[in-house]
Amino acid sequence: MRHTRGRTVDVTSTAELERRLDRGARTLSGWRLRGLDLRHVGHRLRRADVSGATFLGYTFAEGDAEAVDAGGALVLPALPDVPVDCYRGHLYSAEELFDAPTWAGSLDGRAYAWSQEADPAILPEDSTTPPTLARALHDHAIDLALGRWREGRSLVGLMGGHQATRGDSSYADAARLGLLLATAPASAGRPALSVTTGGGPGAMEAANLGARLGGGGRAAGEDALAAAIEHLAVVPSYRPSIDAWAMTARDVLADAPAPPEAGTLGIPTWHYGHEPPNLFATAIAKYFRNATREAILLEVCDAGIVFLPGAGGTVQEIFQDACENYYADEDSVAPMVLVGERYWTEEIPAWPLLSALARGRAMEQHVHLVDTVEEAAALLTD
């Protein structure tokens, strides 16, 4: 359990609830109780003032839910026919999403299949859960969990193409940048950086990989990274087999050092569920709605964003981020660094438009075009 802003209290274990009641808590206004088995504490809740409390995905003894509801609490039961916990209090781990020998049988695979079938127009007659409600509740819970995970952390974003294959130069560049940022020493007023990506394959996997291997320090991380990329390159893509792709990642993680204290974050979406989340993010904020996910991904990167060569999705992220910075005051602008001078001026000429847009605005001094990932890391860590 942990406090959040104001009087809101999240309670995620029955033991913690009982400890608080034992210490004399009698007013539960503002409390959120998530996924608890409350069958043996119902009599204590009946004696408490539960007005303003929220019970999410509970298990009550007979009659207790009605008593709590009558006492002024908001009572939302667990939703049937939904593969995910819509009231979860924490972010996902790779182990939780890949919880079966095959991806199709895993939580991630089942949730993707459900999201594709959960159309109100084809909802089975015996289903009691509107899929739009389930998705909205789940994504709201992820919002709250991500807010708690961010506390005390400084997030730096790496955006780039999902097409980068393991072992090629663009994959290696993204991995090296993730390592450089994750191992940059904390400075006055800024904690160590948490490398944040869209959580998928390609450059996103590479950046999370580099950050994940930074727990043993930069020198050790460089050696481990070279060996890891060589091993991963045996299965260069999640196509045709997600299972083989995930297995090589598990092999790398089996020999990996402990992750850096700041962790590394992935924010993927089941909208692109055919692209699996990578296993190297230590925390995964997975959303159903891609529009929500895109906005959150850019919003949380308070330490700036590096844009590696990419296509439509990366270009969208550049100008979505630019719009936020365009209207921001000087203190709120987050740095933007585009890597690849020829790429962003000739192949995909986003830089001329971005620099023209920034001219005369507070963001002008915070947008950069560089040619190497080392230059990008230096801009964000010096």
Protein backbone atom coordinates (compact mmCIF):
# COMPACT_ATOMS: atom_id res chain seq x y z
CA MET A 1 0.00 0.00 0.00
CA ARG A 2 1.19 3.51 -0.66
CA HIS A 3 -0.17 6.99 -0.34
CA THR A 4 -0.82 9.09 -3.39
CA ARG A 5 -1.82 12.73 -3.67
CA GLY A 6 -4.33 14.14 -1.21
CA ARG A 7 -6.19 11.61 0.88
CA THR A 8 -6.14 8.80 -1.66
CA VAL A 9 -4.74 5.54 -0.30
CA ASP A 10 -4.19 2.40 -2.38
CA VAL A 11 -4.56 -0.87 -0.48
CA THR A 12 -3.38 -3.91 -2.40
CA SER A 13 -3.13 -6.57 0.34
CA THR A 14 -5.51 -7.79 2.99
CA ALA A 15 -2.68 -7.87 5.54
CA GLU A 16 -2.06 -4.14 5.05
CA LEU A 17 -5.77 -3.42 5.41
CA GLU A 18 -5.87 -5.29 8.71
CA ARG A 19 -2.75 -3.50 9.98
CA ARG A 20 -4.34 -0.15 9.32
CA LEU A 21 -7.57 -1.19 10.99
CA ASP A 22 -5.57 -2.52 13.95
CA ARG A 23 -3.90 0.88 14.26
CA GLY A 24 -7.29 2.48 14.66
CA ALA A 25 -8.32 3.53 11.15
CA ARG A 26 -12.09 3.87 11.07
CA THR A 27 -12.72 6.23 8.13
CA LEU A 28 -11.92 4.78 4.71
CA SER A 29 -12.88 7.80 2.60
CA GLY A 30 -10.52 8.05 -0.39
CA TRP A 31 -9.24 4.49 -0.03
CA ARG A 32 -8.96 2.22 -3.07
CA LEU A 33 -8.97 -1.49 -2.21
CA ARG A 34 -7.90 -3.59 -5.20
CA GLY A 35 -8.43 -7.29 -5.79
CA LEU A 36 -8.66 -8.26 -2.11
CA ASP A 37 -10.18 -11.34 -0.51
CA LEU A 38 -12.33 -9.68 2.17
CA ARG A 39 -14.35 -12.67 3.28
CA HIS A 40 -12.90 -12.73 6.78
CA VAL A 41 -12.81 -8.97 7.43
CA GLY A 42 -16.33 -8.03 6.40
CA HIS A 43 -17.42 -7.66 10.02
CA ARG A 44 -14.67 -5.08 10.57
CA LEU A 45 -15.64 -3.13 7.47
CA ARG A 46 -19.24 -3.01 8.66
CA ARG A 47 -18.04 -1.17 11.78
CA ALA A 48 -15.98 1.34 9.75
CA ASP A 49 -17.11 4.42 7.85
CA VAL A 50 -16.67 3.25 4.24
CA SER A 51 -18.30 6.28 2.62
CA GLY A 52 -16.07 7.47 -0.24
CA ALA A 53 -14.05 4.23 -0.42
CA THR A 54 -13.72 2.23 -3.65
CA PHE A 55 -13.67 -1.57 -3.71
CA LEU A 56 -12.29 -2.96 -6.99
CA GLY A 57 -12.36 -6.62 -7.97
CA TYR A 58 -13.14 -7.77 -4.44
CA THR A 59 -14.18 -11.11 -2.92
CA PHE A 60 -16.78 -10.60 -0.15
CA ALA A 61 -18.68 -12.99 2.10
CA GLU A 62 -22.40 -13.15 1.43
CA GLY A 63 -24.13 -9.89 2.29
CA ASP A 64 -20.97 -7.87 2.95
CA ALA A 65 -20.82 -6.27 -0.50
CA GLU A 66 -24.38 -5.01 -0.08
CA ALA A 67 -23.56 -3.65 3.38
CA VAL A 68 -20.50 -1.80 2.12
CA ASP A 69 -22.47 -0.42 -0.81
CA ALA A 70 -25.19 0.78 1.54
CA GLY A 71 -22.49 2.48 3.61
CA GLY A 72 -21.63 4.79 0.71
CA ALA A 73 -18.71 2.96 -0.91
CA LEU A 74 -18.29 2.44 -4.66
CA VAL A 75 -18.28 -1.32 -5.22
CA LEU A 76 -17.03 -2.65 -8.59
CA PRO A 77 -16.84 -6.44 -8.84
CA ALA A 78 -14.36 -8.42 -10.86
CA LEU A 79 -15.35 -8.51 -14.53
CA PRO A 80 -16.03 -11.93 -16.05
CA ASP A 81 -15.01 -12.94 -19.58
CA VAL A 82 -11.97 -10.60 -19.48
CA PRO A 83 -8.43 -12.06 -19.50
CA VAL A 84 -6.80 -9.10 -17.72
CA ASP A 85 -7.27 -7.63 -14.25
CA CYS A 86 -9.06 -4.37 -14.96
CA TYR A 87 -8.26 -3.00 -11.49
CA ARG A 88 -4.59 -3.97 -11.26
CA GLY A 89 -2.49 -1.84 -8.97
CA HIS A 90 0.92 -2.25 -10.61
CA LEU A 91 2.57 -2.39 -14.02
CA TYR A 92 3.18 -5.63 -15.87
CA SER A 93 6.41 -7.57 -15.91
CA ALA A 94 7.64 -9.56 -18.89
CA GLU A 95 7.26 -12.74 -16.84
CA GLU A 96 3.60 -11.92 -16.22
CA LEU A 97 2.82 -11.25 -19.88
CA PHE A 98 4.80 -14.24 -21.13
CA ASP A 99 3.41 -16.65 -18.54
CA ALA A 100 3.02 -19.72 -20.75
CA PRO A 101 5.33 -21.86 -22.91
CA THR A 102 3.81 -20.36 -26.06
CA TRP A 103 2.91 -16.76 -26.75
CA ALA A 104 -0.56 -17.71 -27.99
CA GLY A 105 -1.30 -19.27 -24.60
CA SER A 106 0.23 -16.44 -22.57
CA LEU A 107 -1.58 -13.57 -20.90
CA ASP A 108 -0.29 -11.25 -23.63
CA GLY A 109 -1.51 -13.51 -26.41
CA ARG A 110 -4.88 -14.14 -24.76
CA ALA A 111 -5.43 -10.43 -24.15
CA TYR A 112 -4.63 -9.63 -27.78
CA ALA A 113 -7.02 -12.30 -29.03
CA TRP A 114 -9.74 -10.99 -26.71
CA SER A 115 -9.16 -7.41 -27.84
CA GLN A 116 -9.62 -8.46 -31.45
CA GLU A 117 -12.84 -10.32 -30.71
CA ALA A 118 -14.29 -7.95 -28.11
CA ASP A 119 -16.51 -6.05 -30.50
CA PRO A 120 -19.92 -5.06 -29.08
CA ALA A 121 -21.48 -5.97 -32.42
CA ILE A 122 -20.32 -9.59 -32.06
CA LEU A 123 -20.40 -9.90 -28.27
CA PRO A 124 -21.69 -13.35 -27.25
CA GLU A 125 -25.21 -13.28 -25.85
CA ASP A 126 -24.08 -14.84 -22.56
CA SER A 127 -21.36 -12.22 -21.96
CA THR A 128 -22.05 -9.78 -19.12
CA THR A 129 -19.09 -7.44 -19.59
CA PRO A 130 -19.10 -4.65 -22.22
CA PRO A 131 -15.57 -4.79 -23.71
CA THR A 132 -15.32 -1.01 -24.00
CA LEU A 133 -15.88 -0.71 -20.25
CA ALA A 134 -13.30 -3.39 -19.49
CA ARG A 135 -10.69 -1.73 -21.70
CA ALA A 136 -11.35 1.71 -20.22
CA LEU A 137 -11.09 0.43 -16.63
CA HIS A 138 -7.90 -1.46 -17.41
CA ASP A 139 -6.20 1.50 -19.09
CA HIS A 140 -7.22 3.79 -16.23
CA ALA A 141 -5.64 1.36 -13.77
CA ILE A 142 -2.44 1.36 -15.86
CA ASP A 143 -2.46 5.18 -15.79
CA LEU A 144 -2.54 5.13 -11.99
CA ALA A 145 0.10 2.41 -11.72
CA LEU A 146 2.40 4.26 -14.11
CA GLY A 147 2.00 7.44 -12.08
CA ARG A 148 3.16 5.59 -8.99
CA TRP A 149 6.08 3.95 -10.84
CA ARG A 150 7.29 7.33 -12.09
CA GLU A 151 7.61 8.83 -8.61
CA GLY A 152 11.26 9.68 -7.93
CA ARG A 153 12.37 8.73 -11.45
CA SER A 154 13.52 10.77 -14.43
CA LEU A 155 12.40 9.22 -17.73
CA VAL A 156 14.20 9.61 -21.05
CA GLY A 157 12.49 8.35 -24.19
CA LEU A 158 13.93 6.48 -27.17
CA MET A 159 11.71 6.33 -30.24
CA GLY A 160 12.57 4.40 -33.37
CA GLY A 161 11.41 1.90 -35.94
CA HIS A 162 10.00 -1.49 -35.06
CA GLN A 163 11.57 -2.91 -38.22
CA ALA A 164 15.15 -2.91 -36.91
CA THR A 165 16.26 -6.54 -36.76
CA ARG A 166 18.54 -8.01 -34.14
CA GLY A 167 22.16 -7.83 -35.19
CA ASP A 168 21.92 -5.02 -37.72
CA SER A 169 23.62 -1.67 -37.20
CA SER A 170 20.47 0.25 -36.31
CA TYR A 171 19.62 -2.29 -33.61
CA ALA A 172 23.15 -2.09 -32.19
CA ASP A 173 23.02 1.74 -32.19
CA ALA A 174 19.75 1.77 -30.26
CA ALA A 175 21.09 -0.75 -27.76
CA ARG A 176 24.28 1.25 -27.23
CA LEU A 177 22.27 4.43 -26.68
CA GLY A 178 20.09 2.67 -24.11
CA LEU A 179 23.22 1.57 -22.26
CA LEU A 180 24.83 5.03 -22.40
CA LEU A 181 21.74 6.71 -20.97
CA ALA A 182 21.07 4.08 -18.30
CA THR A 183 24.65 4.22 -17.00
CA ALA A 184 24.97 8.01 -17.01
CA PRO A 185 25.65 9.12 -13.43
CA ALA A 186 22.95 11.02 -11.60
CA SER A 187 23.55 14.74 -11.29
CA ALA A 188 22.44 17.44 -8.91
CA GLY A 189 18.69 17.70 -9.11
CA ARG A 190 18.33 14.71 -11.47
CA PRO A 191 18.23 11.03 -10.53
CA ALA A 192 19.58 8.28 -12.76
CA LEU A 193 17.71 8.02 -16.04
CA SER A 194 15.02 5.42 -16.72
CA VAL A 195 15.14 4.53 -20.41
CA THR A 196 11.60 4.47 -21.80
CA THR A 197 10.39 3.07 -25.13
CA GLY A 198 7.22 2.03 -26.90
CA GLY A 199 7.90 -1.42 -25.51
CA GLY A 200 7.83 -3.38 -28.76
CA PRO A 201 10.41 -5.10 -30.98
CA GLY A 202 13.08 -3.50 -33.16
CA ALA A 203 14.76 -0.34 -31.89
CA MET A 204 12.45 -0.38 -28.86
CA GLU A 205 13.68 -3.81 -27.80
CA ALA A 206 17.27 -2.79 -28.43
CA ALA A 207 17.03 0.32 -26.24
CA ASN A 208 15.39 -1.61 -23.40
CA LEU A 209 18.07 -4.30 -23.79
CA GLY A 210 20.92 -1.81 -23.52
CA ALA A 211 19.36 -0.19 -20.46
CA ARG A 212 18.62 -3.56 -18.85
CA LEU A 213 22.27 -4.65 -19.13
CA GLY A 214 23.51 -1.42 -17.56
CA GLY A 215 22.98 -2.66 -14.01
CA GLY A 216 26.57 -3.87 -13.77
CA GLY A 217 28.06 -0.56 -14.98
CA ARG A 218 29.00 0.72 -18.41
CA ALA A 219 32.15 -1.35 -19.03
CA ALA A 220 30.52 -4.62 -17.99
CA GLY A 221 27.40 -3.62 -19.88
CA GLU A 222 29.31 -3.12 -23.13
CA ASP A 223 30.75 -6.63 -22.95
CA ALA A 224 27.40 -8.14 -22.02
CA LEU A 225 25.65 -6.19 -24.76
CA ALA A 226 27.94 -7.43 -27.50
CA ALA A 227 27.40 -11.03 -26.42
CA ALA A 228 23.65 -10.51 -26.06
CA ILE A 229 23.24 -9.05 -29.55
CA GLU A 230 25.26 -11.90 -31.05
CA HIS A 231 22.99 -14.43 -29.34
CA LEU A 232 19.76 -12.61 -30.22
CA ALA A 233 20.77 -12.29 -33.88
CA VAL A 234 20.23 -16.05 -34.29
CA VAL A 235 16.49 -15.18 -34.26
CA PRO A 236 16.53 -11.73 -35.89
CA SER A 237 12.78 -11.05 -35.81
CA TYR A 238 9.57 -12.09 -34.07
CA ARG A 239 8.43 -13.24 -37.49
CA PRO A 240 7.74 -16.04 -38.20
CA SER A 241 7.97 -17.30 -34.61
CA ILE A 242 7.28 -15.14 -31.54
CA ASP A 243 8.11 -18.16 -29.39
CA ALA A 244 11.64 -18.54 -30.80
CA TRP A 245 12.14 -14.76 -30.57
CA ALA A 246 11.09 -14.74 -26.91
CA MET A 247 13.19 -17.79 -26.05
CA THR A 248 16.43 -16.11 -27.15
CA ALA A 249 15.53 -13.11 -25.00
CA ARG A 250 14.98 -15.41 -22.02
CA ASP A 251 18.43 -16.90 -22.63
CA VAL A 252 20.00 -13.44 -22.44
CA LEU A 253 18.09 -12.54 -19.29
CA ALA A 254 19.19 -15.76 -17.59
CA ASP A 255 22.79 -14.49 -17.60
CA ALA A 256 22.04 -10.78 -17.16
CA PRO A 257 23.13 -8.80 -14.10
CA ALA A 258 20.59 -7.23 -11.80
CA PRO A 259 18.84 -4.35 -13.60
CA PRO A 260 19.76 -0.74 -12.84
CA GLU A 261 17.92 0.71 -9.86
CA ALA A 262 16.05 3.18 -12.09
CA GLY A 263 14.71 0.31 -14.21
CA THR A 264 13.70 0.55 -17.84
CA LEU A 265 10.14 1.07 -19.02
CA GLY A 266 8.13 -0.12 -22.02
CA ILE A 267 4.75 1.32 -23.01
CA PRO A 268 3.28 -0.96 -25.71
CA THR A 269 -0.30 -1.46 -26.86
CA TRP A 270 -2.56 -4.37 -27.77
CA HIS A 271 -3.68 -2.23 -30.73
CA TYR A 272 -0.48 -3.53 -32.33
CA GLY A 273 -0.76 -6.82 -30.49
CA HIS A 274 0.66 -8.80 -33.40
CA GLU A 275 3.95 -7.13 -32.41
CA PRO A 276 4.80 -8.65 -29.02
CA PRO A 277 6.21 -6.60 -26.15
CA ASN A 278 9.92 -7.06 -25.64
CA LEU A 279 11.15 -8.90 -22.56
CA PHE A 280 13.89 -6.45 -21.55
CA ALA A 281 11.75 -3.70 -20.03
CA THR A 282 11.67 -4.17 -16.26
CA ALA A 283 8.23 -2.53 -16.10
CA ILE A 284 5.58 -2.62 -18.82
CA ALA A 285 2.62 -0.24 -19.03
CA LYS A 286 0.53 -1.97 -21.68
CA TYR A 287 -2.62 -0.26 -22.92
CA PHE A 288 -5.53 -1.30 -25.09
CA ARG A 289 -6.09 2.15 -26.61
CA ASN A 290 -3.20 3.26 -28.80
CA ALA A 291 -4.16 6.96 -28.73
CA THR A 292 -3.92 6.93 -24.94
CA ARG A 293 -0.65 5.04 -25.07
CA GLU A 294 0.94 7.45 -27.59
CA ALA A 295 0.02 10.50 -25.53
CA ILE A 296 1.25 8.95 -22.28
CA LEU A 297 4.50 7.74 -23.85
CA LEU A 298 5.46 11.27 -24.87
CA GLU A 299 4.12 12.90 -21.73
CA VAL A 300 6.15 10.87 -19.23
CA CYS A 301 9.56 11.49 -20.82
CA ASP A 302 10.44 14.52 -18.74
CA ALA A 303 14.20 14.19 -19.40
CA GLY A 304 13.77 14.42 -23.17
CA ILE A 305 13.34 12.10 -26.16
CA VAL A 306 15.77 10.74 -28.73
CA PHE A 307 14.29 9.95 -32.14
CA LEU A 308 16.19 7.29 -34.04
CA PRO A 309 15.51 6.68 -37.75
CA GLY A 310 11.97 5.41 -38.23
CA ALA A 311 8.95 5.71 -40.46
CA GLY A 312 5.34 6.80 -39.99
CA GLY A 313 5.02 6.10 -36.28
CA THR A 314 8.29 7.82 -35.39
CA VAL A 315 7.44 10.87 -37.52
CA GLN A 316 4.07 11.10 -35.79
CA GLU A 317 5.82 11.01 -32.41
CA ILE A 318 8.25 13.74 -33.44
CA PHE A 319 5.53 16.22 -34.29
CA GLN A 320 3.22 15.20 -31.48
CA ASP A 321 6.09 15.92 -29.09
CA ALA A 322 6.92 19.11 -30.99
CA CYS A 323 3.36 20.34 -30.53
CA GLU A 324 3.64 19.91 -26.77
CA ASN A 325 6.94 21.80 -26.72
CA TYR A 326 5.68 24.48 -29.11
CA TYR A 327 3.13 25.71 -26.57
CA ALA A 328 5.25 25.07 -23.46
CA ASP A 329 7.08 27.71 -21.47
CA GLU A 330 10.85 27.58 -21.09
CA ASP A 331 10.77 25.55 -17.86
CA SER A 332 8.49 22.89 -19.34
CA VAL A 333 10.26 22.17 -22.65
CA ALA A 334 11.70 18.65 -22.87
CA PRO A 335 14.72 18.23 -25.17
CA MET A 336 14.26 16.60 -28.58
CA VAL A 337 17.23 14.95 -30.29
CA LEU A 338 17.01 13.53 -33.82
CA VAL A 339 19.80 11.04 -34.68
CA GLY A 340 20.89 10.71 -38.32
CA GLU A 341 21.61 13.93 -40.19
CA ARG A 342 21.16 12.55 -43.70
CA TYR A 343 18.15 10.48 -42.73
CA TRP A 344 16.19 13.35 -41.15
CA THR A 345 17.20 15.94 -43.77
CA GLU A 346 17.06 13.87 -46.99
CA GLU A 347 15.33 10.51 -46.65
CA ILE A 348 12.59 11.68 -44.27
CA PRO A 349 13.09 15.48 -44.09
CA ALA A 350 11.46 16.04 -40.73
CA TRP A 351 14.31 18.22 -39.44
CA PRO A 352 13.75 21.26 -41.72
CA LEU A 353 10.11 21.45 -40.64
CA LEU A 354 10.91 20.85 -36.97
CA SER A 355 13.64 23.49 -36.86
CA ALA A 356 11.40 25.98 -38.69
CA LEU A 357 8.59 25.30 -36.25
CA ALA A 358 10.92 25.84 -33.28
CA ARG A 359 12.33 29.13 -34.54
CA GLY A 360 11.63 31.95 -32.13
CA ARG A 361 9.93 29.69 -29.59
CA ALA A 362 11.07 28.58 -26.15
CA MET A 363 11.80 25.17 -27.63
CA GLU A 364 14.35 26.47 -30.16
CA GLN A 365 17.38 25.83 -27.94
CA HIS A 366 16.14 22.35 -27.04
CA VAL A 367 15.81 20.69 -30.46
CA HIS A 368 18.93 19.06 -31.87
CA LEU A 369 20.09 17.12 -34.91
CA VAL A 370 23.12 14.87 -34.42
CA ASP A 371 24.74 12.04 -36.33
CA THR A 372 25.68 9.54 -33.61
CA VAL A 373 24.07 8.04 -30.54
CA GLU A 374 27.10 9.14 -28.51
CA GLU A 375 26.30 12.77 -29.36
CA ALA A 376 22.67 12.22 -28.42
CA ALA A 377 23.60 10.71 -25.06
CA ALA A 378 25.97 13.57 -24.32
CA LEU A 379 23.26 16.17 -24.99
CA LEU A 380 20.86 14.55 -22.54
CA THR A 381 23.33 13.70 -19.78
CA ASP A 382 25.80 16.63 -19.65
